[in-house]
Amino acid sequence: MIDDVDESLRALVRRDVAPHGEVDVVFDAPTKDWAARRTTPTIDVYLYDIREDLRRRQLGMTGVRDAAGKVVSHRQPPRFFKLSYLLTAWTQRPEDEHRLLAALLDCFLRHDAIPVDDLAGRLAEQGVPLPLTLAIPPPEDRALSDVWSALGGELKPSLDLVVVAPWDLDRAMPAAPPVTERPLVELHDRTDRAASSG
């Protein structure tokens, strides 16, 4: 599912940011060695954190219906995960990087979710937009400066993008066959039982 989110983001960025010039869209870790090899304008969409969105977790099972509307199986609802991406622009001049960052900011501020038309793979089959947030301060236990330190690179202007994606557990149980006979109810008189037992 993560690769489908990557390709969905790539499609959205290429569509909305590519008119600003020929730009590569990659998903590499922006280390010093990687940055030194950059020769063309590049937008790096680096996945640096994955956490479950516990607020969206649902308990129980949901019914799966056939074409006639009958429940044929029960399955666990999907779990949702927050995929955090570090968005950076890489060019020869800081001014060009700032223009790309502004284009990225404009792109993601216009969308509360990745549009259905940009979804790839299994996400396209589900046809449900993926919610996203941009430039919201990360939790206290996840500072972006720590990410840059871990990468061994110098701190650089960046945008923090979080995409919420469903993860289908693919666990289903077949439903019991439908009841086709009417229930049989038998009534007994308590006084008859009491008399027979005395």
N, C-alpha and C. Protein backbone atom coordinates (compact mmCIF):
# COMPACT_ATOMS: atom_id res chain seq x y z
N MET A 1 0.82 -1.21 0.00
CA MET A 1 0.00 0.00 0.00
C MET A 1 0.86 1.27 0.00
N ILE A 2 2.03 1.22 0.64
CA ILE A 2 2.89 2.40 0.70
C ILE A 2 3.35 2.80 -0.70
N ASP A 3 3.68 1.82 -1.53
CA ASP A 3 4.10 2.15 -2.89
C ASP A 3 2.98 2.82 -3.69
N ASP A 4 1.73 2.44 -3.41
CA ASP A 4 0.60 3.09 -4.08
C ASP A 4 0.46 4.54 -3.61
N VAL A 5 0.70 4.79 -2.33
CA VAL A 5 0.67 6.17 -1.83
C VAL A 5 1.78 6.98 -2.49
N ASP A 6 2.98 6.38 -2.59
CA ASP A 6 4.10 7.07 -3.25
C ASP A 6 3.73 7.48 -4.67
N GLU A 7 3.19 6.54 -5.43
CA GLU A 7 2.87 6.83 -6.82
C GLU A 7 1.73 7.84 -6.94
N SER A 8 0.81 7.83 -5.98
CA SER A 8 -0.28 8.81 -5.97
C SER A 8 0.29 10.21 -5.71
N LEU A 9 1.22 10.32 -4.77
CA LEU A 9 1.85 11.61 -4.49
C LEU A 9 2.66 12.09 -5.70
N ARG A 10 3.37 11.16 -6.33
CA ARG A 10 4.16 11.51 -7.51
C ARG A 10 3.25 12.10 -8.61
N ALA A 11 2.09 11.46 -8.83
CA ALA A 11 1.16 11.93 -9.86
C ALA A 11 0.65 13.33 -9.52
N LEU A 12 0.31 13.56 -8.26
CA LEU A 12 -0.20 14.87 -7.86
C LEU A 12 0.86 15.95 -8.00
N VAL A 13 2.08 15.66 -7.54
CA VAL A 13 3.16 16.65 -7.61
C VAL A 13 3.53 16.94 -9.07
N ARG A 14 3.61 15.90 -9.89
CA ARG A 14 3.95 16.12 -11.31
C ARG A 14 2.89 16.96 -12.01
N ARG A 15 1.64 16.73 -11.69
CA ARG A 15 0.56 17.47 -12.34
C ARG A 15 0.55 18.94 -11.92
N ASP A 16 0.70 19.19 -10.59
CA ASP A 16 0.53 20.55 -10.08
C ASP A 16 1.82 21.36 -10.02
N VAL A 17 2.98 20.69 -9.96
CA VAL A 17 4.24 21.41 -9.80
C VAL A 17 5.08 21.38 -11.08
N ALA A 18 4.90 20.37 -11.92
CA ALA A 18 5.69 20.25 -13.14
C ALA A 18 5.59 21.45 -14.07
N PRO A 19 4.45 22.15 -14.13
CA PRO A 19 4.41 23.34 -15.01
C PRO A 19 5.44 24.41 -14.64
N HIS A 20 6.03 24.31 -13.46
CA HIS A 20 7.05 25.29 -13.04
C HIS A 20 8.43 24.93 -13.60
N GLY A 21 8.51 23.94 -14.44
CA GLY A 21 9.79 23.56 -15.05
C GLY A 21 10.01 22.07 -14.97
N GLU A 22 11.05 21.59 -15.63
CA GLU A 22 11.38 20.17 -15.63
C GLU A 22 11.96 19.80 -14.27
N VAL A 23 11.22 18.95 -13.54
CA VAL A 23 11.60 18.61 -12.17
C VAL A 23 11.48 17.10 -11.98
N ASP A 24 12.50 16.48 -11.39
CA ASP A 24 12.42 15.08 -11.00
C ASP A 24 11.68 14.97 -9.68
N VAL A 25 10.89 13.90 -9.51
CA VAL A 25 10.23 13.62 -8.24
C VAL A 25 10.74 12.27 -7.77
N VAL A 26 11.46 12.27 -6.63
CA VAL A 26 12.09 11.05 -6.12
C VAL A 26 11.70 10.83 -4.67
N PHE A 27 12.03 9.65 -4.15
CA PHE A 27 11.67 9.27 -2.78
C PHE A 27 12.92 8.84 -2.00
N ASP A 28 14.06 9.42 -2.31
CA ASP A 28 15.33 9.03 -1.71
C ASP A 28 15.55 9.72 -0.37
N ALA A 29 16.39 9.09 0.46
CA ALA A 29 16.82 9.75 1.70
C ALA A 29 17.78 10.88 1.32
N PRO A 30 17.50 12.11 1.76
CA PRO A 30 18.34 13.25 1.35
C PRO A 30 19.63 13.36 2.16
N THR A 31 20.51 12.41 1.98
CA THR A 31 21.79 12.42 2.68
C THR A 31 22.77 13.35 1.96
N LYS A 32 23.93 13.61 2.58
CA LYS A 32 24.94 14.48 1.96
C LYS A 32 25.42 13.89 0.64
N ASP A 33 25.69 12.59 0.63
CA ASP A 33 26.16 11.94 -0.61
C ASP A 33 25.13 12.05 -1.72
N TRP A 34 23.86 11.82 -1.36
CA TRP A 34 22.79 11.91 -2.35
C TRP A 34 22.70 13.34 -2.89
N ALA A 35 22.74 14.34 -2.00
CA ALA A 35 22.63 15.73 -2.42
C ALA A 35 23.77 16.13 -3.35
N ALA A 36 24.96 15.59 -3.10
CA ALA A 36 26.12 15.94 -3.93
C ALA A 36 25.97 15.42 -5.35
N ARG A 37 25.20 14.37 -5.55
CA ARG A 37 25.03 13.79 -6.89
C ARG A 37 23.90 14.43 -7.68
N ARG A 38 23.12 15.31 -7.08
CA ARG A 38 21.99 15.96 -7.76
C ARG A 38 22.50 16.93 -8.83
N THR A 39 22.03 16.74 -10.05
CA THR A 39 22.43 17.64 -11.14
C THR A 39 21.23 18.32 -11.80
N THR A 40 20.03 17.84 -11.51
CA THR A 40 18.83 18.43 -12.10
C THR A 40 17.90 18.88 -10.98
N PRO A 41 17.01 19.84 -11.24
CA PRO A 41 16.04 20.24 -10.21
C PRO A 41 15.23 19.02 -9.74
N THR A 42 15.14 18.87 -8.44
CA THR A 42 14.54 17.66 -7.87
C THR A 42 13.64 18.01 -6.69
N ILE A 43 12.50 17.35 -6.63
CA ILE A 43 11.65 17.38 -5.43
C ILE A 43 11.78 16.02 -4.78
N ASP A 44 12.22 16.02 -3.54
CA ASP A 44 12.39 14.76 -2.80
C ASP A 44 11.23 14.61 -1.83
N VAL A 45 10.56 13.46 -1.92
CA VAL A 45 9.41 13.15 -1.06
C VAL A 45 9.85 11.95 -0.22
N TYR A 46 10.51 12.24 0.89
CA TYR A 46 11.16 11.19 1.69
C TYR A 46 10.24 10.72 2.82
N LEU A 47 9.88 9.44 2.80
CA LEU A 47 9.06 8.84 3.86
C LEU A 47 9.96 8.58 5.07
N TYR A 48 9.68 9.25 6.18
CA TYR A 48 10.55 9.10 7.35
C TYR A 48 9.86 8.56 8.59
N ASP A 49 8.52 8.39 8.56
CA ASP A 49 7.85 7.90 9.77
C ASP A 49 6.52 7.27 9.39
N ILE A 50 6.17 6.17 10.08
CA ILE A 50 4.90 5.48 9.88
C ILE A 50 4.33 5.18 11.26
N ARG A 51 3.09 5.65 11.50
CA ARG A 51 2.44 5.40 12.78
C ARG A 51 0.96 5.13 12.54
N GLU A 52 0.39 4.25 13.38
CA GLU A 52 -1.05 3.99 13.25
C GLU A 52 -1.84 5.19 13.78
N ASP A 53 -2.91 5.51 13.08
CA ASP A 53 -3.83 6.56 13.53
C ASP A 53 -4.89 5.88 14.40
N LEU A 54 -4.62 5.86 15.70
CA LEU A 54 -5.47 5.11 16.62
C LEU A 54 -6.87 5.68 16.71
N ARG A 55 -7.03 6.96 16.41
CA ARG A 55 -8.36 7.56 16.48
C ARG A 55 -9.30 6.97 15.43
N ARG A 56 -8.75 6.41 14.37
CA ARG A 56 -9.58 5.85 13.30
C ARG A 56 -9.79 4.35 13.44
N ARG A 57 -9.20 3.73 14.45
CA ARG A 57 -9.34 2.28 14.57
C ARG A 57 -10.78 1.91 14.93
N GLN A 58 -11.32 0.91 14.22
CA GLN A 58 -12.67 0.43 14.46
C GLN A 58 -12.60 -1.00 14.96
N LEU A 59 -13.48 -1.33 15.90
CA LEU A 59 -13.53 -2.68 16.44
C LEU A 59 -14.67 -3.45 15.79
N GLY A 60 -14.62 -4.76 15.92
CA GLY A 60 -15.70 -5.59 15.40
C GLY A 60 -15.49 -5.96 13.94
N MET A 61 -16.56 -6.44 13.34
CA MET A 61 -16.53 -6.89 11.96
C MET A 61 -17.60 -6.15 11.16
N THR A 62 -17.38 -6.02 9.87
CA THR A 62 -18.37 -5.40 8.99
C THR A 62 -18.84 -6.44 7.98
N GLY A 63 -20.11 -6.32 7.59
CA GLY A 63 -20.68 -7.28 6.65
C GLY A 63 -20.32 -6.94 5.21
N VAL A 64 -19.99 -7.99 4.45
CA VAL A 64 -19.73 -7.85 3.01
C VAL A 64 -20.93 -8.45 2.29
N ARG A 65 -21.56 -7.64 1.45
CA ARG A 65 -22.79 -8.06 0.78
C ARG A 65 -22.54 -8.45 -0.68
N ASP A 66 -23.36 -9.36 -1.18
CA ASP A 66 -23.27 -9.73 -2.59
C ASP A 66 -24.18 -8.80 -3.40
N ALA A 67 -24.33 -9.11 -4.69
CA ALA A 67 -25.11 -8.24 -5.58
C ALA A 67 -26.58 -8.18 -5.16
N ALA A 68 -27.07 -9.23 -4.51
CA ALA A 68 -28.48 -9.25 -4.07
C ALA A 68 -28.67 -8.57 -2.73
N GLY A 69 -27.58 -8.13 -2.11
CA GLY A 69 -27.69 -7.44 -0.82
C GLY A 69 -27.58 -8.35 0.38
N LYS A 70 -27.31 -9.64 0.17
CA LYS A 70 -27.18 -10.57 1.29
C LYS A 70 -25.76 -10.55 1.83
N VAL A 71 -25.64 -10.64 3.14
CA VAL A 71 -24.31 -10.68 3.76
C VAL A 71 -23.71 -12.05 3.51
N VAL A 72 -22.55 -12.07 2.83
CA VAL A 72 -21.90 -13.33 2.49
C VAL A 72 -20.67 -13.59 3.35
N SER A 73 -20.12 -12.53 3.96
CA SER A 73 -18.97 -12.71 4.84
C SER A 73 -18.85 -11.52 5.77
N HIS A 74 -18.02 -11.68 6.77
CA HIS A 74 -17.72 -10.61 7.72
C HIS A 74 -16.21 -10.39 7.70
N ARG A 75 -15.80 -9.12 7.66
CA ARG A 75 -14.37 -8.85 7.62
C ARG A 75 -14.02 -7.74 8.58
N GLN A 76 -12.76 -7.76 8.99
CA GLN A 76 -12.28 -6.70 9.86
C GLN A 76 -12.15 -5.41 9.07
N PRO A 77 -12.51 -4.27 9.67
CA PRO A 77 -12.33 -3.01 8.95
C PRO A 77 -10.84 -2.70 8.79
N PRO A 78 -10.48 -1.86 7.83
CA PRO A 78 -9.06 -1.55 7.64
C PRO A 78 -8.49 -0.78 8.82
N ARG A 79 -7.18 -0.87 9.00
CA ARG A 79 -6.48 -0.02 9.97
C ARG A 79 -5.91 1.15 9.18
N PHE A 80 -5.75 2.28 9.83
CA PHE A 80 -5.27 3.49 9.16
C PHE A 80 -3.91 3.89 9.72
N PHE A 81 -3.02 4.29 8.81
CA PHE A 81 -1.67 4.66 9.19
C PHE A 81 -1.33 6.05 8.67
N LYS A 82 -0.60 6.80 9.50
CA LYS A 82 -0.10 8.12 9.11
C LYS A 82 1.28 7.93 8.51
N LEU A 83 1.42 8.28 7.24
CA LEU A 83 2.71 8.22 6.56
C LEU A 83 3.25 9.64 6.50
N SER A 84 4.39 9.88 7.16
CA SER A 84 4.97 11.23 7.22
C SER A 84 6.10 11.36 6.22
N TYR A 85 5.99 12.38 5.37
CA TYR A 85 6.98 12.63 4.31
C TYR A 85 7.65 13.98 4.55
N LEU A 86 8.95 14.02 4.28
CA LEU A 86 9.72 15.25 4.31
C LEU A 86 9.86 15.73 2.87
N LEU A 87 9.24 16.88 2.53
CA LEU A 87 9.30 17.41 1.17
C LEU A 87 10.39 18.46 1.09
N THR A 88 11.33 18.26 0.18
CA THR A 88 12.41 19.23 -0.02
C THR A 88 12.61 19.47 -1.51
N ALA A 89 13.14 20.66 -1.81
CA ALA A 89 13.45 21.03 -3.19
C ALA A 89 14.96 21.19 -3.32
N TRP A 90 15.51 20.68 -4.45
CA TRP A 90 16.96 20.68 -4.66
C TRP A 90 17.26 21.27 -6.03
N THR A 91 17.92 22.42 -6.04
CA THR A 91 18.35 23.05 -7.28
C THR A 91 19.72 23.68 -7.03
N GLN A 92 20.23 24.38 -8.03
CA GLN A 92 21.54 25.04 -7.87
C GLN A 92 21.42 26.36 -7.11
N ARG A 93 20.23 26.96 -7.08
CA ARG A 93 20.07 28.26 -6.43
C ARG A 93 18.96 28.21 -5.38
N PRO A 94 19.18 28.81 -4.21
CA PRO A 94 18.14 28.84 -3.18
C PRO A 94 16.84 29.46 -3.65
N GLU A 95 16.92 30.48 -4.52
CA GLU A 95 15.70 31.12 -5.00
C GLU A 95 14.82 30.15 -5.77
N ASP A 96 15.46 29.29 -6.58
CA ASP A 96 14.68 28.29 -7.32
C ASP A 96 14.08 27.26 -6.38
N GLU A 97 14.81 26.89 -5.34
CA GLU A 97 14.28 25.95 -4.35
C GLU A 97 13.07 26.55 -3.66
N HIS A 98 13.15 27.83 -3.34
CA HIS A 98 12.03 28.49 -2.67
C HIS A 98 10.80 28.53 -3.58
N ARG A 99 11.02 28.73 -4.88
CA ARG A 99 9.89 28.71 -5.82
C ARG A 99 9.23 27.32 -5.86
N LEU A 100 10.06 26.28 -5.86
CA LEU A 100 9.50 24.92 -5.86
C LEU A 100 8.75 24.64 -4.56
N LEU A 101 9.30 25.08 -3.44
CA LEU A 101 8.62 24.88 -2.16
C LEU A 101 7.28 25.62 -2.15
N ALA A 102 7.27 26.83 -2.71
CA ALA A 102 6.02 27.58 -2.79
C ALA A 102 5.00 26.85 -3.65
N ALA A 103 5.46 26.25 -4.75
CA ALA A 103 4.56 25.49 -5.62
C ALA A 103 4.03 24.26 -4.90
N LEU A 104 4.89 23.60 -4.12
CA LEU A 104 4.44 22.45 -3.32
C LEU A 104 3.42 22.87 -2.27
N LEU A 105 3.71 23.97 -1.60
CA LEU A 105 2.80 24.48 -0.58
C LEU A 105 1.44 24.79 -1.20
N ASP A 106 1.45 25.45 -2.35
CA ASP A 106 0.22 25.78 -3.06
C ASP A 106 -0.53 24.51 -3.47
N CYS A 107 0.21 23.52 -3.95
CA CYS A 107 -0.40 22.26 -4.40
C CYS A 107 -1.15 21.58 -3.26
N PHE A 108 -0.48 21.41 -2.11
CA PHE A 108 -1.09 20.63 -1.03
C PHE A 108 -2.08 21.44 -0.20
N LEU A 109 -1.98 22.76 -0.22
CA LEU A 109 -2.99 23.56 0.49
C LEU A 109 -4.31 23.56 -0.25
N ARG A 110 -4.29 23.31 -1.56
CA ARG A 110 -5.53 23.25 -2.33
C ARG A 110 -6.24 21.91 -2.21
N HIS A 111 -5.59 20.95 -1.58
CA HIS A 111 -6.19 19.62 -1.46
C HIS A 111 -6.19 19.17 0.00
N ASP A 112 -7.38 18.82 0.52
CA ASP A 112 -7.47 18.23 1.86
C ASP A 112 -7.20 16.73 1.81
N ALA A 113 -7.15 16.21 0.59
CA ALA A 113 -6.92 14.78 0.39
C ALA A 113 -6.30 14.61 -1.00
N ILE A 114 -5.64 13.47 -1.19
CA ILE A 114 -5.14 13.17 -2.53
C ILE A 114 -6.36 12.88 -3.41
N PRO A 115 -6.55 13.63 -4.50
CA PRO A 115 -7.75 13.42 -5.34
C PRO A 115 -7.82 12.00 -5.89
N VAL A 116 -9.04 11.53 -6.04
CA VAL A 116 -9.27 10.16 -6.53
C VAL A 116 -8.59 9.95 -7.88
N ASP A 117 -8.58 10.97 -8.74
CA ASP A 117 -7.98 10.84 -10.08
C ASP A 117 -6.48 10.58 -10.01
N ASP A 118 -5.83 10.93 -8.91
CA ASP A 118 -4.39 10.74 -8.79
C ASP A 118 -4.02 9.45 -8.06
N LEU A 119 -5.00 8.72 -7.55
CA LEU A 119 -4.71 7.50 -6.80
C LEU A 119 -4.19 6.40 -7.73
N ALA A 120 -3.26 5.61 -7.21
CA ALA A 120 -2.63 4.55 -8.00
C ALA A 120 -2.91 3.18 -7.38
N GLY A 121 -2.79 2.14 -8.19
CA GLY A 121 -2.86 0.76 -7.71
C GLY A 121 -4.15 0.42 -7.00
N ARG A 122 -4.02 -0.25 -5.85
CA ARG A 122 -5.19 -0.67 -5.08
C ARG A 122 -5.97 0.51 -4.53
N LEU A 123 -5.29 1.63 -4.30
CA LEU A 123 -5.98 2.82 -3.83
C LEU A 123 -6.97 3.32 -4.88
N ALA A 124 -6.61 3.21 -6.15
CA ALA A 124 -7.52 3.62 -7.23
C ALA A 124 -8.75 2.72 -7.26
N GLU A 125 -8.57 1.44 -6.97
CA GLU A 125 -9.69 0.50 -6.95
C GLU A 125 -10.68 0.86 -5.85
N GLN A 126 -10.14 1.31 -4.69
CA GLN A 126 -11.02 1.68 -3.58
C GLN A 126 -11.74 2.99 -3.87
N GLY A 127 -11.07 3.90 -4.60
CA GLY A 127 -11.70 5.15 -4.99
C GLY A 127 -12.05 6.08 -3.85
N VAL A 128 -11.30 6.03 -2.75
CA VAL A 128 -11.55 6.89 -1.59
C VAL A 128 -10.38 7.85 -1.44
N PRO A 129 -10.63 9.18 -1.42
CA PRO A 129 -9.52 10.13 -1.27
C PRO A 129 -8.76 9.90 0.03
N LEU A 130 -7.44 10.10 0.00
CA LEU A 130 -6.62 9.93 1.20
C LEU A 130 -6.42 11.28 1.87
N PRO A 131 -6.88 11.44 3.13
CA PRO A 131 -6.70 12.71 3.82
C PRO A 131 -5.22 13.04 3.99
N LEU A 132 -4.91 14.33 3.97
CA LEU A 132 -3.54 14.75 4.19
C LEU A 132 -3.50 16.07 4.96
N THR A 133 -2.40 16.27 5.67
CA THR A 133 -2.15 17.53 6.36
C THR A 133 -0.75 17.98 5.99
N LEU A 134 -0.54 19.29 6.03
CA LEU A 134 0.74 19.85 5.61
C LEU A 134 1.22 20.87 6.63
N ALA A 135 2.51 20.78 6.96
CA ALA A 135 3.20 21.78 7.77
C ALA A 135 2.58 21.95 9.15
N ILE A 136 2.01 20.89 9.70
CA ILE A 136 1.53 20.93 11.08
C ILE A 136 2.69 20.49 11.97
N PRO A 137 2.94 21.19 13.08
CA PRO A 137 4.07 20.80 13.93
C PRO A 137 3.98 19.33 14.32
N PRO A 138 5.10 18.61 14.18
CA PRO A 138 5.08 17.18 14.53
C PRO A 138 5.01 17.00 16.04
N PRO A 139 4.70 15.79 16.51
CA PRO A 139 4.66 15.53 17.95
C PRO A 139 6.02 15.82 18.59
N GLU A 140 6.00 16.00 19.91
CA GLU A 140 7.22 16.36 20.62
C GLU A 140 8.32 15.30 20.49
N ASP A 141 7.92 14.05 20.29
CA ASP A 141 8.92 12.98 20.20
C ASP A 141 9.44 12.80 18.77
N ARG A 142 9.13 13.75 17.87
CA ARG A 142 9.54 13.58 16.47
C ARG A 142 9.86 14.94 15.86
N ALA A 143 10.97 15.54 16.24
CA ALA A 143 11.37 16.84 15.70
C ALA A 143 12.04 16.64 14.34
N LEU A 144 11.76 17.55 13.40
CA LEU A 144 12.35 17.44 12.07
C LEU A 144 13.87 17.62 12.11
N SER A 145 14.36 18.39 13.07
CA SER A 145 15.81 18.54 13.19
C SER A 145 16.46 17.20 13.51
N ASP A 146 15.75 16.35 14.26
CA ASP A 146 16.27 15.00 14.55
C ASP A 146 16.35 14.17 13.28
N VAL A 147 15.37 14.35 12.38
CA VAL A 147 15.39 13.62 11.12
C VAL A 147 16.62 14.01 10.32
N TRP A 148 16.89 15.32 10.23
CA TRP A 148 18.07 15.78 9.49
C TRP A 148 19.36 15.28 10.14
N SER A 149 19.41 15.26 11.46
CA SER A 149 20.60 14.74 12.15
C SER A 149 20.82 13.27 11.84
N ALA A 150 19.72 12.51 11.84
CA ALA A 150 19.83 11.08 11.54
C ALA A 150 20.30 10.84 10.10
N LEU A 151 19.91 11.75 9.20
CA LEU A 151 20.32 11.60 7.80
C LEU A 151 21.75 12.07 7.56
N GLY A 152 22.31 12.78 8.53
CA GLY A 152 23.68 13.28 8.37
C GLY A 152 23.77 14.46 7.44
N GLY A 153 22.65 15.13 7.21
CA GLY A 153 22.66 16.28 6.30
C GLY A 153 22.51 17.59 7.05
N GLU A 154 22.63 18.67 6.33
CA GLU A 154 22.44 19.99 6.92
C GLU A 154 20.96 20.35 6.87
N LEU A 155 20.51 21.06 7.90
CA LEU A 155 19.12 21.47 7.98
C LEU A 155 18.77 22.32 6.76
N LYS A 156 17.61 22.00 6.16
CA LYS A 156 17.22 22.63 4.90
C LYS A 156 15.73 22.95 4.98
N PRO A 157 15.27 24.04 4.31
CA PRO A 157 13.83 24.31 4.31
C PRO A 157 13.06 23.10 3.79
N SER A 158 12.00 22.75 4.50
CA SER A 158 11.24 21.56 4.12
C SER A 158 9.79 21.71 4.55
N LEU A 159 8.95 20.86 3.99
CA LEU A 159 7.55 20.78 4.38
C LEU A 159 7.29 19.38 4.93
N ASP A 160 6.50 19.31 5.98
CA ASP A 160 6.14 18.03 6.59
C ASP A 160 4.74 17.67 6.10
N LEU A 161 4.64 16.59 5.33
CA LEU A 161 3.37 16.13 4.77
C LEU A 161 2.97 14.81 5.42
N VAL A 162 1.73 14.73 5.89
CA VAL A 162 1.23 13.49 6.50
C VAL A 162 0.02 13.02 5.71
N VAL A 163 0.09 11.78 5.23
CA VAL A 163 -1.00 11.16 4.47
C VAL A 163 -1.56 10.03 5.32
N VAL A 164 -2.89 9.98 5.43
CA VAL A 164 -3.54 8.89 6.18
C VAL A 164 -4.03 7.86 5.17
N ALA A 165 -3.49 6.65 5.28
CA ALA A 165 -3.80 5.60 4.30
C ALA A 165 -4.39 4.37 4.99
N PRO A 166 -5.39 3.75 4.37
CA PRO A 166 -5.98 2.52 4.94
C PRO A 166 -5.10 1.31 4.63
N TRP A 167 -5.08 0.39 5.56
CA TRP A 167 -4.36 -0.87 5.35
C TRP A 167 -5.36 -2.00 5.54
N ASP A 168 -5.70 -2.66 4.44
CA ASP A 168 -6.70 -3.73 4.48
C ASP A 168 -6.06 -4.97 5.09
N LEU A 169 -6.66 -5.47 6.18
CA LEU A 169 -6.10 -6.65 6.84
C LEU A 169 -6.42 -7.94 6.10
N ASP A 170 -7.37 -7.89 5.17
CA ASP A 170 -7.71 -9.05 4.34
C ASP A 170 -8.06 -10.27 5.19
N ARG A 171 -8.78 -10.02 6.27
CA ARG A 171 -9.25 -11.12 7.12
C ARG A 171 -10.77 -11.16 7.05
N ALA A 172 -11.29 -12.24 6.51
CA ALA A 172 -12.74 -12.37 6.35
C ALA A 172 -13.19 -13.74 6.83
N MET A 173 -14.41 -13.79 7.37
CA MET A 173 -15.02 -15.05 7.80
C MET A 173 -16.32 -15.22 7.03
N PRO A 174 -16.55 -16.40 6.44
CA PRO A 174 -17.81 -16.59 5.71
C PRO A 174 -19.00 -16.47 6.66
N ALA A 175 -20.07 -15.91 6.16
CA ALA A 175 -21.29 -15.77 6.97
C ALA A 175 -22.03 -17.10 7.01
N ALA A 176 -22.78 -17.31 8.06
CA ALA A 176 -23.60 -18.51 8.16
C ALA A 176 -24.66 -18.48 7.06
N PRO A 177 -25.10 -19.65 6.60
CA PRO A 177 -26.12 -19.65 5.54
C PRO A 177 -27.39 -18.98 6.03
N PRO A 178 -28.13 -18.36 5.12
CA PRO A 178 -29.36 -17.69 5.54
C PRO A 178 -30.40 -18.68 6.04
N VAL A 179 -31.23 -18.25 6.96
CA VAL A 179 -32.32 -19.08 7.48
C VAL A 179 -33.41 -19.13 6.43
N THR A 180 -33.79 -20.37 6.04
CA THR A 180 -34.81 -20.53 4.99
C THR A 180 -36.12 -21.12 5.51
N GLU A 181 -36.10 -21.62 6.77
CA GLU A 181 -37.32 -22.20 7.33
C GLU A 181 -37.82 -21.32 8.44
N ARG A 182 -39.13 -21.35 8.64
CA ARG A 182 -39.71 -20.57 9.71
C ARG A 182 -39.38 -21.25 11.05
N PRO A 183 -39.21 -20.45 12.10
CA PRO A 183 -38.89 -21.06 13.39
C PRO A 183 -40.07 -21.87 13.93
N LEU A 184 -39.76 -22.96 14.66
CA LEU A 184 -40.77 -23.82 15.27
C LEU A 184 -40.81 -23.49 16.75
N VAL A 185 -41.96 -23.11 17.23
CA VAL A 185 -42.12 -22.73 18.63
C VAL A 185 -43.06 -23.72 19.30
N GLU A 186 -42.62 -24.31 20.42
CA GLU A 186 -43.46 -25.23 21.18
C GLU A 186 -43.76 -24.61 22.52
N LEU A 187 -45.02 -24.67 22.94
CA LEU A 187 -45.45 -24.13 24.22
C LEU A 187 -45.88 -25.28 25.12
N HIS A 188 -45.44 -25.25 26.36
CA HIS A 188 -45.80 -26.28 27.33
C HIS A 188 -46.48 -25.62 28.51
N ASP A 189 -47.49 -26.31 29.06
CA ASP A 189 -48.19 -25.79 30.23
C ASP A 189 -47.41 -26.17 31.47
N ARG A 190 -47.09 -25.19 32.32
CA ARG A 190 -46.30 -25.46 33.53
C ARG A 190 -47.06 -26.33 34.51
N THR A 191 -48.37 -26.20 34.56
CA THR A 191 -49.14 -27.00 35.51
C THR A 191 -49.10 -28.48 35.16
N ASP A 192 -49.05 -28.78 33.84
CA ASP A 192 -48.94 -30.19 33.42
C ASP A 192 -47.61 -30.76 33.86
N ARG A 193 -46.54 -29.98 33.73
CA ARG A 193 -45.21 -30.47 34.13
C ARG A 193 -45.14 -30.67 35.63
N ALA A 194 -45.73 -29.72 36.36
CA ALA A 194 -45.69 -29.82 37.82
C ALA A 194 -46.47 -31.04 38.29
N ALA A 195 -47.59 -31.31 37.66
CA ALA A 195 -48.40 -32.47 38.05
C ALA A 195 -47.69 -33.76 37.74
N SER A 196 -47.02 -33.81 36.58
CA SER A 196 -46.33 -35.05 36.20
C SER A 196 -45.13 -35.31 37.07
N SER A 197 -44.50 -34.22 37.59
CA SER A 197 -43.31 -34.45 38.43
C SER A 197 -43.73 -34.77 39.86
N GLY A 198 -44.98 -34.42 40.29
CA GLY A 198 -45.44 -34.70 41.67
C GLY A 198 -45.94 -36.08 41.72
